[in-house]
């Protein structure tokens, strides 16, 4: 699915990227505090460090800003996770490390993930499918790691089981952000990683020689 174009009147691509990065940072703070619908473009411009007139040189609508925020968040998460995924060697330990790394990224980007979770429904009809497709692609990254474990004979899983386990890993990572009002009172990040990892794989079928204790 093609990336949605956000029109700008400024032709300098580096300046466009710089200004939009400022915009995204300012918008995340405001969306977290007030929500997308209650935040005005004038407030976003002020939080970004420039005038409302300058803001509209780089976007056309407030919905454009929300799209840029969601697109940036997914790109940032994917970039951080890709290196860890590439290093996975198809062992249970590598799967455990990938899960832990992803949850740590979710911890680092709590505000961004919370905004995305709360406001993605406000995206325009042409933007929403593109953003949701990026989420499916990230779930696919976990599918590849788990598939390597299956191919190496460390796990016994069907394709549907691999897919559902991958979705569970992704959602449980996001939950550390959008349920933080409750979870952070009960668990440290490491405790959350340990318990969730155990719960995620406790019903997985293991090949002979693989030990579920390696996830504890």
N, C-alpha and C. Protein backbone atom coordinates (compact mmCIF):
# COMPACT_ATOMS: atom_id res chain seq x y z
N UNK A 1 0.85 -1.19 0.00
CA UNK A 1 0.00 0.00 0.00
C UNK A 1 0.88 1.24 0.00
N UNK A 2 0.58 2.19 -0.90
CA UNK A 2 1.41 3.37 -1.06
C UNK A 2 1.28 4.32 0.12
N UNK A 3 2.38 5.00 0.40
CA UNK A 3 2.40 6.00 1.45
C UNK A 3 1.51 7.17 1.05
N UNK A 4 0.74 7.68 1.96
CA UNK A 4 -0.15 8.81 1.70
C UNK A 4 0.69 10.08 1.62
N UNK A 5 0.49 10.85 0.58
CA UNK A 5 1.26 12.08 0.41
C UNK A 5 0.64 13.21 1.23
N UNK A 6 1.49 13.88 1.99
CA UNK A 6 1.08 15.08 2.72
C UNK A 6 1.71 16.27 2.02
N UNK A 7 0.87 17.11 1.43
CA UNK A 7 1.37 18.21 0.61
C UNK A 7 1.97 19.32 1.45
N UNK A 8 3.05 19.91 0.91
CA UNK A 8 3.70 21.07 1.54
C UNK A 8 4.01 22.09 0.46
N UNK A 9 3.93 23.36 0.81
CA UNK A 9 4.26 24.40 -0.16
C UNK A 9 5.77 24.66 -0.21
N UNK A 10 6.48 24.24 0.84
CA UNK A 10 7.95 24.37 0.89
C UNK A 10 8.57 23.24 0.08
N UNK A 11 9.56 23.56 -0.73
CA UNK A 11 10.17 22.57 -1.61
C UNK A 11 11.44 21.94 -1.04
N UNK A 12 12.04 22.56 -0.04
CA UNK A 12 13.26 22.05 0.57
C UNK A 12 12.91 20.82 1.42
N UNK A 13 13.25 19.63 0.95
CA UNK A 13 12.85 18.40 1.63
C UNK A 13 13.44 18.27 3.03
N UNK A 14 14.69 18.73 3.20
CA UNK A 14 15.30 18.66 4.53
C UNK A 14 14.59 19.56 5.52
N UNK A 15 14.19 20.74 5.05
CA UNK A 15 13.46 21.66 5.92
C UNK A 15 12.08 21.11 6.24
N UNK A 16 11.44 20.50 5.26
CA UNK A 16 10.13 19.88 5.49
C UNK A 16 10.25 18.80 6.56
N UNK A 17 11.26 17.96 6.45
CA UNK A 17 11.46 16.90 7.43
C UNK A 17 11.72 17.47 8.83
N UNK A 18 12.55 18.52 8.90
CA UNK A 18 12.87 19.14 10.18
C UNK A 18 11.62 19.72 10.84
N UNK A 19 10.85 20.50 10.07
CA UNK A 19 9.67 21.14 10.61
C UNK A 19 8.60 20.11 11.03
N UNK A 20 8.46 19.08 10.23
CA UNK A 20 7.47 18.06 10.56
C UNK A 20 7.87 17.27 11.79
N UNK A 21 9.16 17.06 12.00
CA UNK A 21 9.63 16.40 13.22
C UNK A 21 9.29 17.24 14.44
N UNK A 22 9.50 18.58 14.33
CA UNK A 22 9.11 19.48 15.41
C UNK A 22 7.61 19.40 15.67
N UNK A 23 6.86 19.34 14.58
CA UNK A 23 5.40 19.28 14.66
C UNK A 23 4.94 18.01 15.38
N UNK A 24 5.55 16.92 15.01
CA UNK A 24 5.20 15.61 15.58
C UNK A 24 5.44 15.61 17.08
N UNK A 25 6.61 16.10 17.50
CA UNK A 25 6.93 16.12 18.93
C UNK A 25 5.95 17.00 19.71
N UNK A 26 5.64 18.16 19.15
CA UNK A 26 4.69 19.05 19.81
C UNK A 26 3.30 18.44 19.87
N UNK A 27 2.89 17.80 18.78
CA UNK A 27 1.55 17.22 18.70
C UNK A 27 1.39 16.05 19.66
N UNK A 28 2.41 15.21 19.81
CA UNK A 28 2.33 14.06 20.71
C UNK A 28 2.04 14.53 22.14
N UNK A 29 2.74 15.55 22.57
CA UNK A 29 2.53 16.08 23.92
C UNK A 29 1.10 16.58 24.10
N UNK A 30 0.61 17.31 23.12
CA UNK A 30 -0.74 17.88 23.21
C UNK A 30 -1.82 16.80 23.10
N UNK A 31 -1.64 15.87 22.16
CA UNK A 31 -2.64 14.81 21.99
C UNK A 31 -2.74 13.95 23.24
N UNK A 32 -1.60 13.74 23.90
CA UNK A 32 -1.61 12.95 25.14
C UNK A 32 -2.39 13.67 26.23
N UNK A 33 -2.22 14.99 26.32
CA UNK A 33 -2.85 15.77 27.38
C UNK A 33 -4.32 16.08 27.10
N UNK A 34 -4.63 16.40 25.81
CA UNK A 34 -5.96 16.91 25.50
C UNK A 34 -6.74 16.04 24.53
N UNK A 35 -6.05 15.14 23.85
CA UNK A 35 -6.72 14.37 22.80
C UNK A 35 -6.64 15.11 21.47
N UNK A 36 -6.80 14.37 20.40
CA UNK A 36 -6.69 14.95 19.06
C UNK A 36 -7.76 16.01 18.80
N UNK A 37 -9.01 15.70 19.10
CA UNK A 37 -10.11 16.60 18.72
C UNK A 37 -10.11 17.90 19.51
N UNK A 38 -9.61 17.87 20.74
CA UNK A 38 -9.61 19.09 21.56
C UNK A 38 -8.36 19.94 21.34
N UNK A 39 -7.41 19.44 20.60
CA UNK A 39 -6.18 20.18 20.32
C UNK A 39 -6.36 20.99 19.03
N UNK A 40 -5.96 22.25 19.05
CA UNK A 40 -6.07 23.10 17.87
C UNK A 40 -4.74 23.15 17.12
N UNK A 41 -4.81 23.49 15.86
CA UNK A 41 -3.58 23.63 15.07
C UNK A 41 -2.74 24.80 15.59
N UNK A 42 -3.39 25.80 16.13
CA UNK A 42 -2.64 26.93 16.70
C UNK A 42 -1.81 26.46 17.90
N UNK A 43 -2.37 25.59 18.71
CA UNK A 43 -1.64 25.04 19.85
C UNK A 43 -0.48 24.17 19.39
N UNK A 44 -0.70 23.42 18.32
CA UNK A 44 0.38 22.57 17.79
C UNK A 44 1.50 23.44 17.25
N UNK A 45 1.15 24.50 16.56
CA UNK A 45 2.17 25.42 16.04
C UNK A 45 3.00 26.01 17.17
N UNK A 46 2.32 26.46 18.22
CA UNK A 46 3.04 27.05 19.36
C UNK A 46 3.96 26.03 20.02
N UNK A 47 3.46 24.79 20.22
CA UNK A 47 4.28 23.74 20.83
C UNK A 47 5.45 23.34 19.94
N UNK A 48 5.31 23.57 18.64
CA UNK A 48 6.35 23.23 17.68
C UNK A 48 7.40 24.32 17.54
N UNK A 49 7.08 25.52 18.03
CA UNK A 49 8.04 26.61 18.01
C UNK A 49 7.94 27.53 16.82
N UNK A 50 6.78 27.51 16.13
CA UNK A 50 6.61 28.46 15.02
C UNK A 50 5.15 28.90 14.91
N UNK A 51 4.89 29.79 13.97
CA UNK A 51 3.56 30.40 13.86
C UNK A 51 2.58 29.47 13.15
N UNK A 52 1.30 29.79 13.27
CA UNK A 52 0.27 29.01 12.60
C UNK A 52 0.44 29.11 11.08
N UNK A 53 0.89 30.27 10.60
CA UNK A 53 1.13 30.43 9.16
C UNK A 53 2.23 29.50 8.67
N UNK A 54 3.29 29.41 9.45
CA UNK A 54 4.39 28.50 9.09
C UNK A 54 3.92 27.05 9.11
N UNK A 55 3.10 26.71 10.09
CA UNK A 55 2.57 25.34 10.19
C UNK A 55 1.90 24.92 8.88
N UNK A 56 1.09 25.81 8.33
CA UNK A 56 0.34 25.45 7.13
C UNK A 56 1.17 25.48 5.85
N UNK A 57 2.44 25.80 5.98
CA UNK A 57 3.35 25.64 4.84
C UNK A 57 3.79 24.19 4.70
N UNK A 58 3.56 23.38 5.76
CA UNK A 58 4.07 22.00 5.78
C UNK A 58 2.96 20.94 5.84
N UNK A 59 1.74 21.37 6.15
CA UNK A 59 0.60 20.46 6.15
C UNK A 59 -0.61 21.23 5.62
N UNK A 60 -1.72 20.51 5.40
CA UNK A 60 -2.94 21.18 4.95
C UNK A 60 -4.05 21.13 6.01
N UNK A 61 -4.08 20.06 6.78
CA UNK A 61 -5.14 19.90 7.78
C UNK A 61 -4.56 19.33 9.07
N UNK A 62 -5.35 19.41 10.13
CA UNK A 62 -4.93 18.82 11.41
C UNK A 62 -4.81 17.29 11.29
N UNK A 63 -5.67 16.71 10.44
CA UNK A 63 -5.61 15.27 10.21
C UNK A 63 -4.28 14.86 9.59
N UNK A 64 -3.68 15.76 8.80
CA UNK A 64 -2.34 15.49 8.25
C UNK A 64 -1.33 15.29 9.38
N UNK A 65 -1.45 16.08 10.42
CA UNK A 65 -0.52 15.99 11.55
C UNK A 65 -0.68 14.65 12.26
N UNK A 66 -1.92 14.24 12.47
CA UNK A 66 -2.16 12.95 13.12
C UNK A 66 -1.58 11.82 12.28
N UNK A 67 -1.75 11.90 10.98
CA UNK A 67 -1.18 10.89 10.09
C UNK A 67 0.34 10.86 10.21
N UNK A 68 0.97 12.02 10.21
CA UNK A 68 2.43 12.09 10.34
C UNK A 68 2.89 11.51 11.68
N UNK A 69 2.13 11.78 12.74
CA UNK A 69 2.47 11.24 14.06
C UNK A 69 2.44 9.72 14.03
N UNK A 70 1.35 9.14 13.52
CA UNK A 70 1.22 7.67 13.49
C UNK A 70 2.28 7.05 12.59
N UNK A 71 2.52 7.65 11.44
CA UNK A 71 3.52 7.13 10.50
C UNK A 71 4.91 7.15 11.13
N UNK A 72 5.23 8.24 11.81
CA UNK A 72 6.53 8.38 12.48
C UNK A 72 6.70 7.33 13.57
N UNK A 73 5.65 7.12 14.37
CA UNK A 73 5.75 6.16 15.48
C UNK A 73 6.03 4.77 14.96
N UNK A 74 5.29 4.33 13.95
CA UNK A 74 5.49 2.99 13.41
C UNK A 74 6.88 2.85 12.79
N UNK A 75 7.32 3.88 12.08
CA UNK A 75 8.65 3.82 11.47
C UNK A 75 9.74 3.73 12.55
N UNK A 76 9.55 4.48 13.62
CA UNK A 76 10.53 4.50 14.71
C UNK A 76 10.62 3.14 15.39
N UNK A 77 9.46 2.56 15.67
CA UNK A 77 9.43 1.23 16.31
C UNK A 77 10.06 0.19 15.39
N UNK A 78 9.69 0.22 14.12
CA UNK A 78 10.21 -0.76 13.19
C UNK A 78 11.73 -0.64 13.03
N UNK A 79 12.21 0.58 12.97
CA UNK A 79 13.66 0.79 12.84
C UNK A 79 14.41 0.25 14.06
N UNK A 80 13.86 0.51 15.24
CA UNK A 80 14.51 0.03 16.47
C UNK A 80 14.49 -1.49 16.55
N UNK A 81 13.41 -2.09 16.06
CA UNK A 81 13.23 -3.53 16.20
C UNK A 81 13.94 -4.34 15.12
N UNK A 82 14.13 -3.74 13.95
CA UNK A 82 14.64 -4.49 12.81
C UNK A 82 16.00 -5.13 13.08
N UNK A 83 16.90 -4.40 13.71
CA UNK A 83 18.24 -4.94 13.97
C UNK A 83 18.16 -6.17 14.87
N UNK A 84 17.31 -6.11 15.87
CA UNK A 84 17.13 -7.24 16.78
C UNK A 84 16.54 -8.44 16.02
N UNK A 85 15.59 -8.16 15.14
CA UNK A 85 14.98 -9.22 14.34
C UNK A 85 16.02 -9.87 13.43
N UNK A 86 16.85 -9.06 12.81
CA UNK A 86 17.87 -9.57 11.88
C UNK A 86 18.88 -10.47 12.58
N UNK A 87 19.11 -10.22 13.87
CA UNK A 87 20.10 -11.00 14.61
C UNK A 87 19.53 -12.30 15.18
N UNK A 88 18.23 -12.47 15.08
CA UNK A 88 17.60 -13.67 15.63
C UNK A 88 18.10 -14.91 14.91
N UNK A 89 18.47 -15.94 15.69
CA UNK A 89 19.05 -17.14 15.09
C UNK A 89 18.13 -18.35 15.17
N UNK A 90 16.85 -18.11 15.47
CA UNK A 90 15.90 -19.21 15.48
C UNK A 90 15.94 -20.06 16.73
N UNK A 91 16.49 -19.53 17.81
CA UNK A 91 16.48 -20.25 19.09
C UNK A 91 15.45 -19.63 20.02
N UNK A 92 15.09 -20.38 21.07
CA UNK A 92 14.14 -19.86 22.04
C UNK A 92 14.71 -18.65 22.78
N UNK A 93 16.01 -18.68 23.04
CA UNK A 93 16.65 -17.54 23.70
C UNK A 93 16.54 -16.28 22.84
N UNK A 94 16.72 -16.43 21.53
CA UNK A 94 16.64 -15.26 20.66
C UNK A 94 15.21 -14.73 20.59
N UNK A 95 14.23 -15.62 20.63
CA UNK A 95 12.83 -15.18 20.67
C UNK A 95 12.56 -14.41 21.95
N UNK A 96 13.08 -14.93 23.06
CA UNK A 96 12.92 -14.25 24.34
C UNK A 96 13.55 -12.86 24.31
N UNK A 97 14.73 -12.76 23.74
CA UNK A 97 15.42 -11.46 23.68
C UNK A 97 14.68 -10.48 22.77
N UNK A 98 14.08 -10.99 21.68
CA UNK A 98 13.33 -10.13 20.78
C UNK A 98 12.09 -9.57 21.48
N UNK A 99 11.39 -10.42 22.21
CA UNK A 99 10.22 -9.97 22.97
C UNK A 99 10.63 -8.91 24.00
N UNK A 100 11.69 -9.17 24.73
CA UNK A 100 12.16 -8.23 25.75
C UNK A 100 12.56 -6.90 25.14
N UNK A 101 13.25 -6.96 24.02
CA UNK A 101 13.69 -5.73 23.37
C UNK A 101 12.49 -4.91 22.91
N UNK A 102 11.49 -5.57 22.32
CA UNK A 102 10.29 -4.88 21.86
C UNK A 102 9.57 -4.20 23.01
N UNK A 103 9.45 -4.88 24.14
CA UNK A 103 8.78 -4.29 25.29
C UNK A 103 9.55 -3.09 25.83
N UNK A 104 10.86 -3.15 25.73
CA UNK A 104 11.68 -2.00 26.17
C UNK A 104 11.50 -0.82 25.22
N UNK A 105 11.35 -1.09 23.93
CA UNK A 105 11.06 -0.02 22.98
C UNK A 105 9.70 0.60 23.31
N UNK A 106 8.71 -0.23 23.63
CA UNK A 106 7.40 0.27 24.02
C UNK A 106 7.48 1.14 25.27
N UNK A 107 8.37 0.77 26.17
CA UNK A 107 8.58 1.57 27.38
C UNK A 107 9.20 2.92 27.04
N UNK A 108 10.18 2.91 26.15
CA UNK A 108 10.84 4.15 25.74
C UNK A 108 9.88 5.10 25.02
N UNK A 109 8.89 4.53 24.32
CA UNK A 109 7.98 5.33 23.49
C UNK A 109 6.56 5.31 24.04
N UNK A 110 6.44 5.32 25.36
CA UNK A 110 5.12 5.21 25.98
C UNK A 110 4.14 6.28 25.51
N UNK A 111 4.57 7.53 25.50
CA UNK A 111 3.66 8.61 25.13
C UNK A 111 3.19 8.47 23.69
N UNK A 112 4.13 8.15 22.81
CA UNK A 112 3.80 8.01 21.39
C UNK A 112 2.82 6.85 21.17
N UNK A 113 3.08 5.73 21.83
CA UNK A 113 2.21 4.55 21.67
C UNK A 113 0.82 4.85 22.23
N UNK A 114 0.75 5.54 23.34
CA UNK A 114 -0.53 5.88 23.94
C UNK A 114 -1.35 6.77 23.00
N UNK A 115 -0.70 7.77 22.42
CA UNK A 115 -1.39 8.66 21.48
C UNK A 115 -1.90 7.87 20.28
N UNK A 116 -1.06 7.02 19.73
CA UNK A 116 -1.45 6.23 18.57
C UNK A 116 -2.63 5.32 18.90
N UNK A 117 -2.58 4.68 20.04
CA UNK A 117 -3.65 3.76 20.44
C UNK A 117 -4.97 4.51 20.62
N UNK A 118 -4.91 5.71 21.19
CA UNK A 118 -6.12 6.46 21.48
C UNK A 118 -6.70 7.18 20.26
N UNK A 119 -5.82 7.63 19.36
CA UNK A 119 -6.27 8.55 18.32
C UNK A 119 -6.29 7.99 16.90
N UNK A 120 -5.82 6.76 16.70
CA UNK A 120 -5.74 6.24 15.33
C UNK A 120 -7.11 6.21 14.66
N UNK A 121 -8.17 6.08 15.44
CA UNK A 121 -9.52 6.04 14.89
C UNK A 121 -9.93 7.36 14.24
N UNK A 122 -9.20 8.44 14.56
CA UNK A 122 -9.53 9.74 13.99
C UNK A 122 -8.85 9.99 12.64
N UNK A 123 -8.05 9.04 12.18
CA UNK A 123 -7.41 9.19 10.87
C UNK A 123 -8.46 9.21 9.77
N UNK A 124 -8.14 9.87 8.66
CA UNK A 124 -9.05 9.90 7.52
C UNK A 124 -9.14 8.52 6.87
N UNK A 125 -10.18 8.30 6.11
CA UNK A 125 -10.42 6.99 5.50
C UNK A 125 -9.30 6.57 4.56
N UNK A 126 -8.65 7.54 3.93
CA UNK A 126 -7.55 7.19 3.02
C UNK A 126 -6.25 6.92 3.76
N UNK A 127 -6.13 7.43 4.99
CA UNK A 127 -4.89 7.26 5.76
C UNK A 127 -4.92 6.01 6.64
N UNK A 128 -6.10 5.68 7.16
CA UNK A 128 -6.20 4.59 8.13
C UNK A 128 -5.70 3.24 7.59
N UNK A 129 -6.09 2.82 6.39
CA UNK A 129 -5.60 1.51 5.90
C UNK A 129 -4.08 1.44 5.79
N UNK A 130 -3.46 2.54 5.38
CA UNK A 130 -2.00 2.56 5.27
C UNK A 130 -1.34 2.37 6.63
N UNK A 131 -1.84 3.09 7.63
CA UNK A 131 -1.26 3.01 8.97
C UNK A 131 -1.47 1.62 9.57
N UNK A 132 -2.67 1.08 9.41
CA UNK A 132 -2.95 -0.25 9.96
C UNK A 132 -2.12 -1.33 9.26
N UNK A 133 -1.86 -1.13 7.98
CA UNK A 133 -1.02 -2.07 7.25
C UNK A 133 0.40 -2.09 7.80
N UNK A 134 0.88 -0.94 8.26
CA UNK A 134 2.21 -0.89 8.86
C UNK A 134 2.25 -1.70 10.16
N UNK A 135 1.14 -1.70 10.88
CA UNK A 135 1.07 -2.50 12.10
C UNK A 135 1.13 -3.99 11.75
N UNK A 136 0.42 -4.38 10.71
CA UNK A 136 0.44 -5.78 10.28
C UNK A 136 1.86 -6.18 9.86
N UNK A 137 2.57 -5.29 9.24
CA UNK A 137 3.96 -5.58 8.83
C UNK A 137 4.84 -5.79 10.05
N UNK A 138 4.59 -5.05 11.13
CA UNK A 138 5.40 -5.26 12.33
C UNK A 138 5.07 -6.58 13.01
N UNK A 139 3.80 -6.96 12.99
CA UNK A 139 3.43 -8.28 13.49
C UNK A 139 4.16 -9.34 12.67
N UNK A 140 4.29 -9.09 11.37
CA UNK A 140 5.00 -10.02 10.50
C UNK A 140 6.46 -10.20 10.89
N UNK A 141 7.05 -9.20 11.50
CA UNK A 141 8.44 -9.32 11.96
C UNK A 141 8.55 -10.39 13.04
N UNK A 142 7.57 -10.43 13.94
CA UNK A 142 7.56 -11.48 14.97
C UNK A 142 7.27 -12.84 14.36
N UNK A 143 6.43 -12.85 13.34
CA UNK A 143 6.14 -14.11 12.67
C UNK A 143 7.41 -14.73 12.10
N UNK A 144 8.28 -13.90 11.57
CA UNK A 144 9.53 -14.41 10.99
C UNK A 144 10.44 -14.99 12.08
N UNK A 145 10.50 -14.35 13.23
CA UNK A 145 11.32 -14.86 14.33
C UNK A 145 10.79 -16.20 14.82
N UNK A 146 9.49 -16.29 15.01
CA UNK A 146 8.88 -17.53 15.50
C UNK A 146 9.01 -18.63 14.45
N UNK A 147 8.85 -18.26 13.18
CA UNK A 147 8.98 -19.26 12.11
C UNK A 147 10.38 -19.86 12.09
N UNK A 148 11.39 -19.05 12.36
CA UNK A 148 12.76 -19.57 12.43
C UNK A 148 12.88 -20.62 13.53
N UNK A 149 12.21 -20.37 14.66
CA UNK A 149 12.24 -21.35 15.75
C UNK A 149 11.57 -22.66 15.33
N UNK A 150 10.49 -22.55 14.58
CA UNK A 150 9.80 -23.74 14.08
C UNK A 150 10.68 -24.48 13.09
N UNK A 151 11.30 -23.75 12.19
CA UNK A 151 12.17 -24.37 11.18
C UNK A 151 13.39 -25.05 11.81
N UNK A 152 13.85 -24.52 12.93
CA UNK A 152 14.99 -25.10 13.64
C UNK A 152 14.59 -26.26 14.55
N UNK A 153 13.29 -26.55 14.59
CA UNK A 153 12.82 -27.66 15.39
C UNK A 153 12.69 -27.37 16.86
N UNK A 154 12.67 -26.08 17.23
CA UNK A 154 12.56 -25.71 18.64
C UNK A 154 11.10 -25.56 19.09
N UNK A 155 10.22 -25.32 18.14
CA UNK A 155 8.80 -25.17 18.45
C UNK A 155 7.97 -25.97 17.47
N UNK A 156 6.81 -26.41 17.93
CA UNK A 156 5.83 -27.07 17.06
C UNK A 156 4.60 -26.17 16.98
N UNK A 157 4.47 -25.45 15.88
CA UNK A 157 3.36 -24.53 15.73
C UNK A 157 2.85 -24.56 14.29
N UNK A 158 1.54 -24.40 14.14
CA UNK A 158 0.96 -24.24 12.81
C UNK A 158 1.10 -22.78 12.38
N UNK A 159 0.80 -22.51 11.12
CA UNK A 159 0.88 -21.13 10.63
C UNK A 159 -0.09 -20.22 11.38
N UNK A 160 -1.28 -20.71 11.65
CA UNK A 160 -2.26 -19.90 12.37
C UNK A 160 -1.79 -19.63 13.81
N UNK A 161 -1.16 -20.61 14.42
CA UNK A 161 -0.64 -20.41 15.78
C UNK A 161 0.50 -19.40 15.78
N UNK A 162 1.36 -19.47 14.78
CA UNK A 162 2.44 -18.50 14.66
C UNK A 162 1.87 -17.09 14.52
N UNK A 163 0.85 -16.96 13.67
CA UNK A 163 0.24 -15.65 13.45
C UNK A 163 -0.38 -15.10 14.72
N UNK A 164 -1.14 -15.92 15.43
CA UNK A 164 -1.82 -15.44 16.64
C UNK A 164 -0.82 -15.12 17.75
N UNK A 165 0.21 -15.94 17.91
CA UNK A 165 1.23 -15.66 18.90
C UNK A 165 1.92 -14.34 18.60
N UNK A 166 2.17 -14.07 17.33
CA UNK A 166 2.80 -12.81 16.93
C UNK A 166 1.93 -11.61 17.27
N UNK A 167 0.62 -11.71 16.99
CA UNK A 167 -0.31 -10.64 17.36
C UNK A 167 -0.33 -10.44 18.87
N UNK A 168 -0.32 -11.53 19.62
CA UNK A 168 -0.34 -11.42 21.08
C UNK A 168 0.90 -10.70 21.61
N UNK A 169 2.07 -11.03 21.08
CA UNK A 169 3.30 -10.37 21.49
C UNK A 169 3.20 -8.87 21.24
N UNK A 170 2.70 -8.51 20.06
CA UNK A 170 2.61 -7.10 19.68
C UNK A 170 1.64 -6.34 20.59
N UNK A 171 0.47 -6.91 20.82
CA UNK A 171 -0.54 -6.23 21.63
C UNK A 171 -0.10 -6.13 23.09
N UNK A 172 0.53 -7.19 23.63
CA UNK A 172 0.97 -7.14 25.02
C UNK A 172 2.08 -6.10 25.20
N UNK A 173 2.87 -5.89 24.18
CA UNK A 173 3.87 -4.83 24.24
C UNK A 173 3.22 -3.46 24.31
N UNK A 174 2.23 -3.23 23.46
CA UNK A 174 1.50 -1.95 23.48
C UNK A 174 0.77 -1.75 24.80
N UNK A 175 0.30 -2.83 25.39
CA UNK A 175 -0.48 -2.72 26.62
C UNK A 175 0.32 -2.09 27.75
N UNK A 176 1.63 -2.27 27.76
CA UNK A 176 2.48 -1.65 28.78
C UNK A 176 2.31 -0.13 28.74
N UNK A 177 1.97 0.42 27.59
CA UNK A 177 1.75 1.86 27.46
C UNK A 177 0.31 2.26 27.74
N UNK A 178 -0.66 1.62 27.06
CA UNK A 178 -2.03 2.11 27.19
C UNK A 178 -2.71 1.64 28.48
N UNK A 179 -2.13 0.69 29.21
CA UNK A 179 -2.65 0.30 30.52
C UNK A 179 -1.66 0.67 31.63
N UNK A 180 -0.81 1.63 31.34
CA UNK A 180 0.25 1.94 32.30
C UNK A 180 -0.29 2.49 33.61
N UNK A 181 -1.47 3.12 33.58
CA UNK A 181 -2.07 3.67 34.80
C UNK A 181 -2.28 2.57 35.84
N UNK A 182 -2.41 1.33 35.40
CA UNK A 182 -2.59 0.21 36.33
C UNK A 182 -1.33 -0.65 36.42
N UNK A 183 -0.76 -0.99 35.27
CA UNK A 183 0.36 -1.94 35.25
C UNK A 183 1.60 -1.42 35.95
N UNK A 184 1.89 -0.14 35.80
CA UNK A 184 3.12 0.41 36.38
C UNK A 184 3.08 0.45 37.90
N UNK A 185 1.88 0.32 38.47
CA UNK A 185 1.75 0.26 39.92
C UNK A 185 2.07 -1.14 40.45
N UNK A 186 1.92 -2.14 39.58
CA UNK A 186 2.07 -3.52 40.02
C UNK A 186 3.38 -4.18 39.59
N UNK A 187 3.96 -3.70 38.48
CA UNK A 187 5.12 -4.37 37.92
C UNK A 187 6.22 -3.37 37.57
N UNK A 188 7.46 -3.80 37.74
CA UNK A 188 8.55 -3.11 37.08
C UNK A 188 8.53 -3.56 35.63
N UNK A 189 9.27 -2.89 34.77
CA UNK A 189 9.33 -3.29 33.37
C UNK A 189 9.85 -4.71 33.24
N UNK A 190 10.90 -5.05 33.99
CA UNK A 190 11.48 -6.39 33.89
C UNK A 190 10.50 -7.45 34.38
N UNK A 191 9.76 -7.15 35.43
CA UNK A 191 8.76 -8.10 35.91
C UNK A 191 7.68 -8.32 34.85
N UNK A 192 7.28 -7.24 34.22
CA UNK A 192 6.26 -7.34 33.16
C UNK A 192 6.77 -8.20 32.01
N UNK A 193 8.00 -7.96 31.60
CA UNK A 193 8.60 -8.75 30.52
C UNK A 193 8.63 -10.23 30.89
N UNK A 194 9.09 -10.52 32.10
CA UNK A 194 9.22 -11.93 32.54
C UNK A 194 7.87 -12.63 32.58
N UNK A 195 6.89 -11.98 33.21
CA UNK A 195 5.58 -12.62 33.36
C UNK A 195 4.87 -12.76 32.02
N UNK A 196 4.90 -11.71 31.21
CA UNK A 196 4.22 -11.78 29.92
C UNK A 196 4.86 -12.83 29.01
N UNK A 197 6.17 -12.90 29.01
CA UNK A 197 6.84 -13.88 28.17
C UNK A 197 6.45 -15.29 28.56
N UNK A 198 6.40 -15.53 29.85
CA UNK A 198 5.99 -16.85 30.34
C UNK A 198 4.55 -17.16 29.93
N UNK A 199 3.65 -16.19 30.11
CA UNK A 199 2.25 -16.42 29.77
C UNK A 199 2.05 -16.62 28.27
N UNK A 200 2.82 -15.89 27.48
CA UNK A 200 2.67 -15.97 26.03
C UNK A 200 3.03 -17.34 25.47
N UNK A 201 3.99 -18.00 26.12
CA UNK A 201 4.48 -19.25 25.53
C UNK A 201 4.17 -20.49 26.37
N UNK A 202 3.43 -20.33 27.47
CA UNK A 202 3.24 -21.49 28.35
C UNK A 202 2.43 -22.61 27.70
N UNK A 203 1.61 -22.30 26.70
CA UNK A 203 0.83 -23.33 26.03
C UNK A 203 1.38 -23.69 24.65
N UNK A 204 2.58 -23.19 24.34
CA UNK A 204 3.21 -23.51 23.07
C UNK A 204 3.73 -24.94 23.10
N UNK A 205 3.62 -25.64 21.96
CA UNK A 205 4.14 -27.01 21.86
C UNK A 205 5.63 -26.96 21.57
N UNK A 206 6.42 -27.65 22.40
CA UNK A 206 7.87 -27.66 22.25
C UNK A 206 8.34 -28.98 21.67
N UNK A 207 9.35 -28.90 20.84
CA UNK A 207 10.00 -30.09 20.34
C UNK A 207 10.80 -30.75 21.46
N UNK A 208 11.13 -31.98 21.30
CA UNK A 208 11.96 -32.70 22.27
C UNK A 208 13.28 -31.94 22.48
N UNK A 209 13.60 -31.71 23.73
CA UNK A 209 14.87 -31.04 24.04
C UNK A 209 14.68 -29.57 24.38
N UNK A 210 13.54 -28.99 23.98
CA UNK A 210 13.30 -27.59 24.32
C UNK A 210 12.64 -27.51 25.68
N UNK A 211 13.01 -26.51 26.46
CA UNK A 211 12.56 -26.44 27.85
C UNK A 211 11.86 -25.11 28.09
N UNK A 212 10.62 -25.16 28.53
CA UNK A 212 9.88 -23.92 28.79
C UNK A 212 10.53 -23.09 29.89
N UNK A 213 11.31 -23.71 30.76
CA UNK A 213 11.99 -22.99 31.82
C UNK A 213 12.97 -21.95 31.27
N UNK A 214 13.40 -22.13 30.04
CA UNK A 214 14.35 -21.18 29.47
C UNK A 214 13.72 -19.81 29.29
N UNK A 215 12.39 -19.70 29.40
CA UNK A 215 11.71 -18.41 29.27
C UNK A 215 11.48 -17.75 30.61
N UNK A 216 11.83 -18.42 31.69
CA UNK A 216 11.53 -17.84 33.00
C UNK A 216 12.70 -17.04 33.52
